[in-house]
Amino acid sequence: MATPLRILTVVGARPQFIKAAALDRAIRGSFAGRITETILHTGQHYDADMSDVFFSELGLPAAEVNLNAAGDHPAATLAHMLEGIESVLLERRHDMLLVYGDTNSTLAGALAAMRCNMPLAHVEAGLRSFNKRMPEEVNRIMADQCATWLFCPTDTALKNLEREGYASNNTGRASLDAPHVLNCGDVMYDNTLHFTSLAKERSTVLRELGMEGTPYILATVHREHNTDDPARLNAIIEALIEVNISTSLPIILPLHPRTRKRMDELLDPALQEALSSGQHLELLPPVGYLDMLSLMSQAQLVITDSGGVQKEAYFLGRPTLILRAETEWTELVDHGHSVLVDVDQERILREASRALNATTTSYPALFGDGRAAEHICDQLLRTT
């Protein structure tokens, strides 16, 4: 029997745990014996509500290596990640390193692979918001530059890479100088298809909130650009309160730990008082993946600054307002299912009303056939 392909997978944040679950199912399923995987957790998200719960719910094996790299200083954290990943690559035998998305853990993995002359697979390659002031944009561009395999989730991502000079003929052996570029579909779509029915069976969040059968709006806010800027954070919270008042719909807001901290520090006292009344927003601690799927699937409208939530809402047929001036998921905006509202309060109110009163629209299959993980595994085996 041939020696299996040995992959070191680097994860560190909630979206990556979710994406990694799809590939793990494929590796332990139809590719068992042909591919083995070691999971390295950088510790970027170390809180149990942001990390442990996702591993357990998704059936993802515990990380074999945990760097515990999280800290208060981003540069020091990145250096700790890079040093730790390099050490693992030098001490253990792997055939390639695999990263997901655009976080600092992704960047650290890509740089470590480059320094150690290790082939790199980048899942979710080719995304562009065209705003390099966003750390995520720089991270994803640099990861693409370091990659031997660029696995795009959509045709738009593939075309972005072609415009940047990448060839997509995928002939011959994949290499850093001749990387293979493939639209494989979106592994998050794989997971939504796989876990939605399970969420209906197991999630109790709506019952616990007393909102079963009750129309509501779901909101999430976590990007530093929004949470760490007092003007933007205050504008978002004020807009959400106004949407609640104008629509009479409850708004459920699960809070990232950083968002909770910044709200305590930066919100205007009048907004703090309005929130403390409990009349406008239902503030929750971070929720697990199954609870989040349940909340999204029943929401009348989703308001978010998260790239992953934008897509998941689309997969579940939920209209979305994006609390950013641009998005890397341009397909959602181009097809009219998501609207960029930034923190413009009048626009948020107007688009919320429009979305809530719109007739049902179709949601074309922009993100593949639900078998992205299998396509990725097959491509890696054929081109290594």
Protein backbone atom coordinates (compact mmCIF):
# COMPACT_ATOMS: atom_id res chain seq x y z
CA MET A 1 0.00 0.00 0.00
CA ALA A 2 1.31 3.46 -0.92
CA THR A 3 2.37 5.81 1.86
CA PRO A 4 -0.51 8.18 2.65
CA LEU A 5 -0.23 11.89 1.96
CA ARG A 6 0.63 13.62 5.27
CA ILE A 7 -1.00 17.02 5.79
CA LEU A 8 -0.33 19.48 8.61
CA THR A 9 -3.44 21.66 8.96
CA VAL A 10 -3.11 25.00 10.75
CA VAL A 11 -6.23 26.44 12.41
CA GLY A 12 -6.72 29.09 15.03
CA ALA A 13 -10.11 30.79 14.78
CA ARG A 14 -13.79 29.84 14.68
CA PRO A 15 -14.21 29.99 10.87
CA GLN A 16 -11.22 27.70 10.38
CA PHE A 17 -12.54 25.07 12.79
CA ILE A 18 -15.75 24.96 10.75
CA LYS A 19 -13.93 24.72 7.42
CA ALA A 20 -11.52 22.08 8.74
CA ALA A 21 -14.45 19.86 9.76
CA ALA A 22 -15.45 19.38 6.12
CA LEU A 23 -11.98 18.25 5.04
CA ASP A 24 -11.64 16.06 8.14
CA ARG A 25 -14.85 14.20 7.23
CA ALA A 26 -13.53 13.55 3.74
CA ILE A 27 -10.10 12.45 4.98
CA ARG A 28 -11.55 10.04 7.53
CA GLY A 29 -14.24 8.90 5.07
CA SER A 30 -13.67 8.24 1.40
CA PHE A 31 -9.96 9.16 1.57
CA ALA A 32 -9.11 7.07 4.66
CA GLY A 33 -5.75 5.35 4.22
CA ARG A 34 -4.73 7.69 1.41
CA ILE A 35 -4.46 10.93 3.40
CA THR A 36 -3.57 11.53 7.05
CA GLU A 37 -3.94 14.85 8.84
CA THR A 38 -2.34 16.46 11.88
CA ILE A 39 -4.20 19.49 13.26
CA LEU A 40 -2.16 22.33 14.74
CA HIS A 41 -4.14 24.90 16.77
CA THR A 42 -2.32 28.21 17.09
CA GLY A 43 -4.50 29.26 20.02
CA GLN A 44 -5.63 32.46 18.25
CA HIS A 45 -9.11 31.77 19.66
CA TYR A 46 -8.42 30.21 23.03
CA ASP A 47 -11.71 30.89 24.86
CA ALA A 48 -13.77 27.70 25.32
CA ASP A 49 -16.81 29.43 23.79
CA MET A 50 -14.80 30.34 20.69
CA SER A 51 -12.77 27.13 20.33
CA ASP A 52 -13.55 24.00 22.37
CA VAL A 53 -17.28 24.03 21.65
CA PHE A 54 -16.64 24.01 17.90
CA PHE A 55 -14.32 21.01 18.05
CA SER A 56 -16.86 19.01 20.04
CA GLU A 57 -19.92 19.99 17.98
CA LEU A 58 -18.22 19.48 14.64
CA GLY A 59 -16.70 16.13 15.55
CA LEU A 60 -13.26 17.57 14.80
CA PRO A 61 -10.42 15.61 16.45
CA ALA A 62 -8.57 17.44 19.19
CA ALA A 63 -5.55 19.34 17.94
CA GLU A 64 -2.40 17.27 18.21
CA VAL A 65 -0.39 20.47 18.68
CA ASN A 66 -1.58 23.62 20.47
CA LEU A 67 0.75 26.61 20.44
CA ASN A 68 -1.29 28.69 22.94
CA ALA A 69 -0.08 31.73 21.03
CA ALA A 70 -2.90 34.16 21.81
CA GLY A 71 -1.81 37.42 23.38
CA ASP A 72 -2.57 41.11 23.60
CA HIS A 73 0.04 42.23 21.07
CA PRO A 74 -0.71 41.09 17.49
CA ALA A 75 2.91 41.23 16.31
CA ALA A 76 4.17 39.14 19.22
CA THR A 77 1.33 36.67 18.73
CA LEU A 78 2.15 36.32 15.03
CA ALA A 79 5.82 35.76 15.83
CA HIS A 80 4.92 33.09 18.39
CA MET A 81 2.73 31.33 15.83
CA LEU A 82 5.40 31.46 13.14
CA GLU A 83 8.08 30.11 15.46
CA GLY A 84 5.83 27.31 16.70
CA ILE A 85 4.68 26.19 13.24
CA GLU A 86 8.26 26.23 11.94
CA SER A 87 9.36 24.05 14.84
CA VAL A 88 6.69 21.46 14.06
CA LEU A 89 7.60 21.44 10.36
CA LEU A 90 11.26 20.89 11.19
CA GLU A 91 10.65 18.23 13.84
CA ARG A 92 7.94 16.14 12.16
CA ARG A 93 7.49 14.62 8.73
CA HIS A 94 4.75 16.16 6.61
CA ASP A 95 4.24 16.38 2.87
CA MET A 96 2.43 19.71 2.90
CA LEU A 97 0.88 22.39 5.07
CA LEU A 98 -2.75 23.48 4.64
CA VAL A 99 -4.33 26.76 5.74
CA TYR A 100 -7.82 28.24 5.53
CA GLY A 101 -9.03 31.76 4.91
CA ASP A 102 -7.38 34.99 5.98
CA THR A 103 -6.59 35.13 9.71
CA ASN A 104 -3.23 35.77 11.37
CA SER A 105 -2.98 31.99 11.86
CA THR A 106 -3.29 31.63 8.07
CA LEU A 107 -0.53 34.16 7.50
CA ALA A 108 1.75 32.49 10.05
CA GLY A 109 1.20 29.09 8.43
CA ALA A 110 1.90 30.44 4.95
CA LEU A 111 5.11 32.16 6.03
CA ALA A 112 6.29 29.09 7.92
CA ALA A 113 5.68 26.90 4.87
CA MET A 114 7.66 29.30 2.70
CA ARG A 115 10.58 29.46 5.13
CA CYS A 116 10.71 25.66 5.44
CA ASN A 117 10.30 25.04 1.70
CA MET A 118 7.07 23.15 2.43
CA PRO A 119 4.31 22.97 -0.20
CA LEU A 120 1.27 24.99 0.88
CA ALA A 121 -2.41 24.47 0.09
CA HIS A 122 -4.59 27.56 0.60
CA VAL A 123 -8.30 26.80 0.92
CA GLU A 124 -10.44 29.88 0.19
CA ALA A 125 -7.89 31.38 -2.18
CA GLY A 126 -8.52 34.28 -4.52
CA LEU A 127 -10.87 36.33 -2.35
CA ARG A 128 -10.42 40.07 -2.67
CA SER A 129 -12.19 42.96 -0.97
CA PHE A 130 -9.76 45.38 -2.66
CA ASN A 131 -9.17 47.16 0.65
CA LYS A 132 -5.63 46.62 1.87
CA ARG A 133 -6.32 48.53 5.04
CA MET A 134 -8.05 45.36 6.21
CA PRO A 135 -5.50 42.99 7.77
CA GLU A 136 -7.47 40.06 6.36
CA GLU A 137 -6.96 41.32 2.80
CA VAL A 138 -3.19 41.43 3.20
CA ASN A 139 -3.19 38.02 4.90
CA ARG A 140 -5.08 36.34 2.06
CA ILE A 141 -2.94 37.95 -0.65
CA MET A 142 0.26 36.83 1.07
CA ALA A 143 -1.10 33.31 1.62
CA ASP A 144 -1.93 33.09 -2.09
CA GLN A 145 1.60 34.20 -2.99
CA CYS A 146 3.07 31.39 -0.86
CA ALA A 147 0.74 28.64 -2.12
CA THR A 148 1.36 25.61 -4.30
CA TRP A 149 -2.37 24.87 -4.51
CA LEU A 150 -4.96 27.66 -4.58
CA PHE A 151 -8.43 26.26 -3.94
CA CYS A 152 -11.00 28.89 -4.88
CA PRO A 153 -14.58 28.71 -3.54
CA THR A 154 -16.20 30.57 -6.48
CA ASP A 155 -15.68 31.58 -10.10
CA THR A 156 -15.14 35.16 -8.96
CA ALA A 157 -12.22 34.12 -6.76
CA LEU A 158 -10.72 32.17 -9.66
CA LYS A 159 -11.04 35.17 -11.98
CA ASN A 160 -9.39 37.41 -9.37
CA LEU A 161 -6.32 35.16 -9.46
CA GLU A 162 -6.31 35.02 -13.25
CA ARG A 163 -6.30 38.85 -13.35
CA GLU A 164 -3.29 38.76 -11.02
CA GLY A 165 -1.41 36.55 -13.45
CA TYR A 166 -2.08 33.07 -12.11
CA ALA A 167 -2.64 30.38 -14.75
CA SER A 168 -5.49 27.93 -14.21
CA ASN A 169 -4.53 25.17 -16.65
CA ASN A 170 -3.39 22.89 -13.76
CA THR A 171 -1.15 20.74 -15.92
CA GLY A 172 1.94 18.96 -14.65
CA ARG A 173 3.15 18.80 -11.09
CA ALA A 174 2.04 21.61 -8.79
CA SER A 175 4.84 23.85 -7.54
CA LEU A 176 5.36 27.25 -5.97
CA ASP A 177 6.35 28.72 -9.34
CA ALA A 178 3.54 26.90 -11.17
CA PRO A 179 0.74 26.61 -8.61
CA HIS A 180 -2.46 24.79 -9.40
CA VAL A 181 -5.58 26.96 -9.29
CA LEU A 182 -8.98 25.29 -8.97
CA ASN A 183 -12.56 26.33 -8.28
CA CYS A 184 -13.47 23.49 -5.92
CA GLY A 185 -16.53 25.10 -4.32
CA ASP A 186 -16.88 26.25 -0.73
CA VAL A 187 -16.21 23.90 2.18
CA MET A 188 -18.53 26.01 4.34
CA TYR A 189 -21.35 25.11 1.96
CA ASP A 190 -20.41 21.45 2.50
CA ASN A 191 -20.82 22.00 6.23
CA THR A 192 -24.10 23.89 6.02
CA LEU A 193 -25.61 21.01 4.06
CA HIS A 194 -24.18 18.48 6.50
CA PHE A 195 -25.03 20.17 9.80
CA THR A 196 -28.33 22.04 9.23
CA SER A 197 -30.54 19.02 9.96
CA LEU A 198 -28.41 18.21 13.01
CA ALA A 199 -28.86 21.78 14.24
CA LYS A 200 -32.63 21.38 14.01
CA GLU A 201 -32.44 18.25 16.16
CA ARG A 202 -29.94 19.40 18.78
CA SER A 203 -29.99 23.18 19.09
CA THR A 204 -32.06 24.51 21.99
CA VAL A 205 -31.13 28.18 21.72
CA LEU A 206 -34.48 29.40 20.39
CA ARG A 207 -36.41 27.49 23.02
CA GLU A 208 -34.14 28.86 25.75
CA LEU A 209 -34.71 32.39 24.44
CA GLY A 210 -38.47 31.84 24.22
CA MET A 211 -38.41 32.71 20.51
CA GLU A 212 -39.58 29.54 18.82
CA GLY A 213 -41.96 30.66 16.09
CA THR A 214 -41.22 34.33 16.81
CA PRO A 215 -39.87 36.54 13.98
CA TYR A 216 -36.54 38.18 14.83
CA ILE A 217 -33.37 39.68 13.35
CA LEU A 218 -29.92 38.19 13.96
CA ALA A 219 -26.87 40.47 14.20
CA THR A 220 -23.15 39.86 14.68
CA VAL A 221 -20.30 42.37 15.06
CA HIS A 222 -16.69 41.32 15.58
CA ARG A 223 -14.25 42.97 13.18
CA GLU A 224 -11.69 45.24 14.84
CA HIS A 225 -12.47 47.96 12.30
CA ASN A 226 -15.96 48.14 13.82
CA THR A 227 -15.38 47.18 17.44
CA ASP A 228 -12.28 49.27 18.16
CA ASP A 229 -13.46 52.52 16.54
CA PRO A 230 -15.76 54.31 19.03
CA ALA A 231 -17.64 56.22 16.31
CA ARG A 232 -18.32 53.08 14.26
CA LEU A 233 -19.25 50.92 17.23
CA ASN A 234 -21.66 53.54 18.59
CA ALA A 235 -23.21 54.02 15.14
CA ILE A 236 -23.78 50.27 14.75
CA ILE A 237 -25.39 49.78 18.15
CA GLU A 238 -27.56 52.90 17.73
CA ALA A 239 -28.65 51.67 14.30
CA LEU A 240 -29.57 48.24 15.66
CA ILE A 241 -31.67 49.85 18.38
CA GLU A 242 -33.41 52.01 15.76
CA VAL A 243 -34.08 48.93 13.60
CA ASN A 244 -35.62 47.23 16.61
CA ILE A 245 -37.86 50.21 17.29
CA SER A 246 -38.89 50.71 13.66
CA THR A 247 -39.62 47.03 12.93
CA SER A 248 -40.79 45.88 16.38
CA LEU A 249 -38.68 42.76 15.79
CA PRO A 250 -36.39 41.43 18.51
CA ILE A 251 -32.70 41.55 17.58
CA ILE A 252 -30.48 38.73 18.80
CA LEU A 253 -26.81 39.72 19.13
CA PRO A 254 -24.31 37.00 20.12
CA LEU A 255 -21.21 38.84 21.27
CA HIS A 256 -17.61 38.06 20.43
CA PRO A 257 -15.55 38.53 23.64
CA ARG A 258 -13.73 41.50 22.14
CA THR A 259 -17.02 43.12 21.13
CA ARG A 260 -18.39 42.73 24.66
CA LYS A 261 -15.25 44.32 26.08
CA ARG A 262 -15.27 47.22 23.64
CA MET A 263 -18.96 47.90 24.24
CA ASP A 264 -18.27 48.20 27.96
CA GLU A 265 -15.39 50.57 27.25
CA LEU A 266 -16.55 52.66 24.30
CA LEU A 267 -20.34 52.92 24.16
CA ASP A 268 -22.02 56.22 24.92
CA PRO A 269 -23.68 56.15 28.37
CA ALA A 270 -27.11 56.70 26.79
CA LEU A 271 -26.65 53.59 24.63
CA GLN A 272 -25.38 51.64 27.62
CA GLU A 273 -28.54 52.60 29.47
CA ALA A 274 -30.74 51.65 26.51
CA LEU A 275 -29.08 48.24 26.32
CA SER A 276 -29.34 47.65 30.05
CA SER A 277 -33.12 47.96 29.79
CA GLY A 278 -33.14 44.70 27.81
CA GLN A 279 -35.87 46.05 25.50
CA HIS A 280 -33.94 46.47 22.25
CA LEU A 281 -31.22 43.84 21.86
CA GLU A 282 -30.98 40.29 23.20
CA LEU A 283 -27.28 40.10 24.06
CA LEU A 284 -25.86 36.57 24.16
CA PRO A 285 -22.45 35.09 24.89
CA PRO A 286 -20.73 33.43 21.90
CA VAL A 287 -22.84 30.57 20.56
CA GLY A 288 -21.74 27.25 19.07
CA TYR A 289 -21.96 26.35 15.42
CA LEU A 290 -25.21 24.40 15.67
CA ASP A 291 -26.90 27.18 17.63
CA MET A 292 -25.67 29.72 15.09
CA LEU A 293 -27.07 27.68 12.22
CA SER A 294 -30.37 27.45 14.05
CA LEU A 295 -30.45 31.20 14.71
CA MET A 296 -29.63 32.02 11.09
CA SER A 297 -32.07 29.56 9.56
CA GLN A 298 -35.03 31.13 11.40
CA ALA A 299 -34.04 34.82 11.20
CA GLN A 300 -36.04 37.22 9.04
CA LEU A 301 -32.88 39.23 8.39
CA VAL A 302 -29.15 38.94 9.20
CA ILE A 303 -27.01 42.02 9.91
CA THR A 304 -23.29 41.25 10.14
CA ASP A 305 -19.69 42.22 9.45
CA SER A 306 -18.58 38.58 9.26
CA GLY A 307 -17.54 37.05 5.95
CA GLY A 308 -18.54 33.57 7.06
CA VAL A 309 -21.94 34.63 8.35
CA GLN A 310 -22.63 36.43 5.06
CA LYS A 311 -22.21 33.15 3.21
CA GLU A 312 -24.02 30.95 5.69
CA ALA A 313 -26.99 33.31 5.59
CA TYR A 314 -26.99 32.99 1.80
CA PHE A 315 -26.83 29.19 1.99
CA LEU A 316 -29.87 29.31 4.28
CA GLY A 317 -31.80 31.79 2.12
CA ARG A 318 -31.61 34.73 4.53
CA PRO A 319 -31.24 38.34 3.28
CA THR A 320 -28.22 40.12 4.73
CA LEU A 321 -27.00 43.63 5.49
CA ILE A 322 -23.20 43.89 5.62
CA LEU A 323 -21.73 46.34 8.14
CA ARG A 324 -18.76 47.11 5.92
CA ALA A 325 -17.96 49.33 2.95
CA GLU A 326 -16.79 46.33 0.89
CA THR A 327 -16.85 42.55 0.97
CA GLU A 328 -14.65 39.77 -0.34
CA TRP A 329 -17.86 37.87 -1.21
CA THR A 330 -18.81 40.17 -4.06
CA GLU A 331 -21.14 37.55 -5.57
CA LEU A 332 -23.60 38.09 -2.73
CA VAL A 333 -23.86 41.80 -3.48
CA ASP A 334 -23.82 41.37 -7.26
CA HIS A 335 -26.83 39.05 -7.07
CA GLY A 336 -28.73 41.42 -4.76
CA HIS A 337 -29.02 39.06 -1.80
CA SER A 338 -26.69 41.10 0.42
CA VAL A 339 -26.36 44.86 0.70
CA LEU A 340 -23.32 46.85 1.82
CA VAL A 341 -24.55 49.37 4.39
CA ASP A 342 -21.31 50.13 6.27
CA VAL A 343 -22.34 52.04 9.45
CA ASP A 344 -24.69 54.48 7.69
CA GLN A 345 -27.66 54.51 10.06
CA GLU A 346 -30.18 55.82 7.52
CA ARG A 347 -29.09 53.22 4.98
CA ILE A 348 -29.26 50.44 7.57
CA LEU A 349 -32.83 51.42 8.47
CA ARG A 350 -33.88 51.78 4.84
CA GLU A 351 -32.34 48.50 3.67
CA ALA A 352 -33.63 46.60 6.69
CA SER A 353 -37.16 47.71 5.83
CA ARG A 354 -36.68 46.85 2.18
CA ALA A 355 -35.27 43.38 2.91
CA LEU A 356 -38.02 42.55 5.39
CA ASN A 357 -40.70 43.51 2.89
CA ALA A 358 -39.12 41.95 -0.20
CA THR A 359 -40.65 39.00 -1.96
CA THR A 360 -38.78 35.71 -1.92
CA THR A 361 -35.91 35.53 -4.40
CA SER A 362 -33.91 32.62 -5.76
CA TYR A 363 -30.48 31.72 -4.42
CA PRO A 364 -28.40 30.35 -7.33
CA ALA A 365 -25.67 27.77 -6.69
CA LEU A 366 -22.65 30.08 -6.55
CA PHE A 367 -20.59 28.00 -4.13
CA GLY A 368 -20.23 24.58 -5.71
CA ASP A 369 -21.96 21.25 -5.37
CA GLY A 370 -21.48 20.61 -1.64
CA ARG A 371 -18.47 18.33 -2.22
CA ALA A 372 -15.63 20.87 -2.08
CA ALA A 373 -13.66 18.84 0.48
CA GLU A 374 -13.69 15.77 -1.75
CA HIS A 375 -12.57 17.83 -4.75
CA ILE A 376 -9.67 19.26 -2.71
CA CYS A 377 -8.51 15.85 -1.49
CA ASP A 378 -8.72 14.38 -4.99
CA GLN A 379 -6.71 17.26 -6.46
CA LEU A 380 -3.98 16.97 -3.81
CA LEU A 381 -3.59 13.25 -4.43
CA ARG A 382 -3.42 13.71 -8.19
CA THR A 383 -0.89 16.55 -8.24
CA THR A 384 1.61 15.80 -5.45
